[in-house]
Amino acid sequence: MLLYPSQDDLLKKIDSKYSLVILAAKRAKHLHDNQSAAMLDTYESHKNVGKALEEIKSGDLVMDPDSLSN
């Protein structure tokens, strides 16, 4: 169950659940491969997917529509 950030808050930033999942998964993979790539000063989550979702909620991580065609 996703407690923080809430799904409602995330869907205000990214309008599609599918796009949200794809963006968070790609960012989590990037965080896994490069631990020094943090965008935020502090995170509540210790896991990379949670960190990616926090970045989306903060507005630091946004969807690039052109990246979906790849």
C-alpha atoms as a PDB file:
ATOM      1  CA  MET A   1       0.000   0.000   0.000  1.00  0.00           C
ATOM      2  CA  LEU A   2       1.290   3.407  -0.972  1.00  0.00           C
ATOM      3  CA  LEU A   3       1.109   5.795   1.979  1.00  0.00           C
ATOM      4  CA  TYR A   4       3.497   8.595   1.055  1.00  0.00           C
ATOM      5  CA  PRO A   5       3.306  10.278  -1.303  1.00  0.00           C
ATOM      6  CA  SER A   6      -0.397   9.655  -1.817  1.00  0.00           C
ATOM      7  CA  GLN A   7      -1.661   8.426  -5.139  1.00  0.00           C
ATOM      8  CA  ASP A   8      -3.963  11.448  -5.387  1.00  0.00           C
ATOM      9  CA  ASP A   9      -1.031  13.853  -5.002  1.00  0.00           C
ATOM     10  CA  LEU A  10       0.962  11.976  -7.635  1.00  0.00           C
ATOM     11  CA  LEU A  11      -1.901  11.941 -10.131  1.00  0.00           C
ATOM     12  CA  LYS A  12      -2.086  15.735  -9.851  1.00  0.00           C
ATOM     13  CA  LYS A  13       1.457  15.824 -11.279  1.00  0.00           C
ATOM     14  CA  ILE A  14       1.192  12.959 -13.804  1.00  0.00           C
ATOM     15  CA  ASP A  15      -2.291  12.450 -15.252  1.00  0.00           C
ATOM     16  CA  SER A  16      -1.971   8.748 -16.099  1.00  0.00           C
ATOM     17  CA  LYS A  17      -1.286   5.869 -13.713  1.00  0.00           C
ATOM     18  CA  TYR A  18       0.562   4.081 -16.517  1.00  0.00           C
ATOM     19  CA  SER A  19       2.837   7.061 -17.152  1.00  0.00           C
ATOM     20  CA  LEU A  20       3.412   7.441 -13.428  1.00  0.00           C
ATOM     21  CA  VAL A  21       4.542   3.824 -13.106  1.00  0.00           C
ATOM     22  CA  ILE A  22       6.837   4.043 -16.143  1.00  0.00           C
ATOM     23  CA  LEU A  23       8.444   7.287 -14.958  1.00  0.00           C
ATOM     24  CA  ALA A  24       8.939   6.019 -11.402  1.00  0.00           C
ATOM     25  CA  ALA A  25      10.401   2.712 -12.623  1.00  0.00           C
ATOM     26  CA  LYS A  26      12.877   4.412 -14.963  1.00  0.00           C
ATOM     27  CA  ARG A  27      13.958   6.839 -12.251  1.00  0.00           C
ATOM     28  CA  ALA A  28      14.272   4.065  -9.660  1.00  0.00           C
ATOM     29  CA  LYS A  29      16.530   2.136 -12.056  1.00  0.00           C
ATOM     30  CA  HIS A  30      18.631   5.271 -12.566  1.00  0.00           C
ATOM     31  CA  LEU A  31      18.899   5.763  -8.793  1.00  0.00           C
ATOM     32  CA  HIS A  32      19.908   2.129  -8.378  1.00  0.00           C
ATOM     33  CA  ASP A  33      22.650   2.444 -10.991  1.00  0.00           C
ATOM     34  CA  ASN A  34      23.882   5.836  -9.766  1.00  0.00           C
ATOM     35  CA  GLN A  35      23.382   6.372  -6.028  1.00  0.00           C
ATOM     36  CA  SER A  36      24.740   9.933  -6.184  1.00  0.00           C
ATOM     37  CA  ALA A  37      21.969  11.094  -8.558  1.00  0.00           C
ATOM     38  CA  ALA A  38      19.647  12.329  -5.797  1.00  0.00           C
ATOM     39  CA  MET A  39      17.463  15.321  -6.682  1.00  0.00           C
ATOM     40  CA  LEU A  40      16.156  16.070  -3.190  1.00  0.00           C
ATOM     41  CA  ASP A  41      18.118  16.934  -0.058  1.00  0.00           C
ATOM     42  CA  THR A  42      16.239  14.419   2.104  1.00  0.00           C
ATOM     43  CA  TYR A  43      13.908  11.511   1.424  1.00  0.00           C
ATOM     44  CA  GLU A  44      11.367   9.811   3.650  1.00  0.00           C
ATOM     45  CA  SER A  45      11.706   6.552   1.741  1.00  0.00           C
ATOM     46  CA  HIS A  46      14.758   4.323   1.835  1.00  0.00           C
ATOM     47  CA  LYS A  47      13.817   2.490  -1.363  1.00  0.00           C
ATOM     48  CA  ASN A  48      14.490   3.823  -4.848  1.00  0.00           C
ATOM     49  CA  VAL A  49      10.875   3.591  -6.039  1.00  0.00           C
ATOM     50  CA  GLY A  50       9.722   5.632  -3.046  1.00  0.00           C
ATOM     51  CA  LYS A  51      12.456   8.181  -3.705  1.00  0.00           C
ATOM     52  CA  ALA A  52      11.355   8.462  -7.338  1.00  0.00           C
ATOM     53  CA  LEU A  53       7.752   9.028  -6.264  1.00  0.00           C
ATOM     54  CA  GLU A  54       8.853  11.722  -3.814  1.00  0.00           C
ATOM     55  CA  GLU A  55      10.734  13.453  -6.656  1.00  0.00           C
ATOM     56  CA  ILE A  56       7.596  13.360  -8.805  1.00  0.00           C
ATOM     57  CA  LYS A  57       5.498  14.811  -5.977  1.00  0.00           C
ATOM     58  CA  SER A  58       7.993  17.630  -5.403  1.00  0.00           C
ATOM     59  CA  GLY A  59       7.882  18.567  -9.099  1.00  0.00           C
ATOM     60  CA  ASP A  60      11.603  17.944  -9.636  1.00  0.00           C
ATOM     61  CA  LEU A  61      10.925  14.897 -11.818  1.00  0.00           C
ATOM     62  CA  VAL A  62       8.511  15.470 -14.712  1.00  0.00           C
ATOM     63  CA  MET A  63       7.290  13.436 -17.672  1.00  0.00           C
ATOM     64  CA  ASP A  64       8.778  14.128 -21.078  1.00  0.00           C
ATOM     65  CA  PRO A  65       6.052  13.189 -23.615  1.00  0.00           C
ATOM     66  CA  ASP A  66       8.658  12.487 -26.313  1.00  0.00           C
ATOM     67  CA  SER A  67      10.261   9.757 -24.190  1.00  0.00           C
ATOM     68  CA  LEU A  68       7.105   7.621 -24.344  1.00  0.00           C
ATOM     69  CA  SER A  69       7.519   6.975 -28.063  1.00  0.00           C
ATOM     70  CA  ASN A  70      10.795   5.062 -27.509  1.00  0.00           C
END
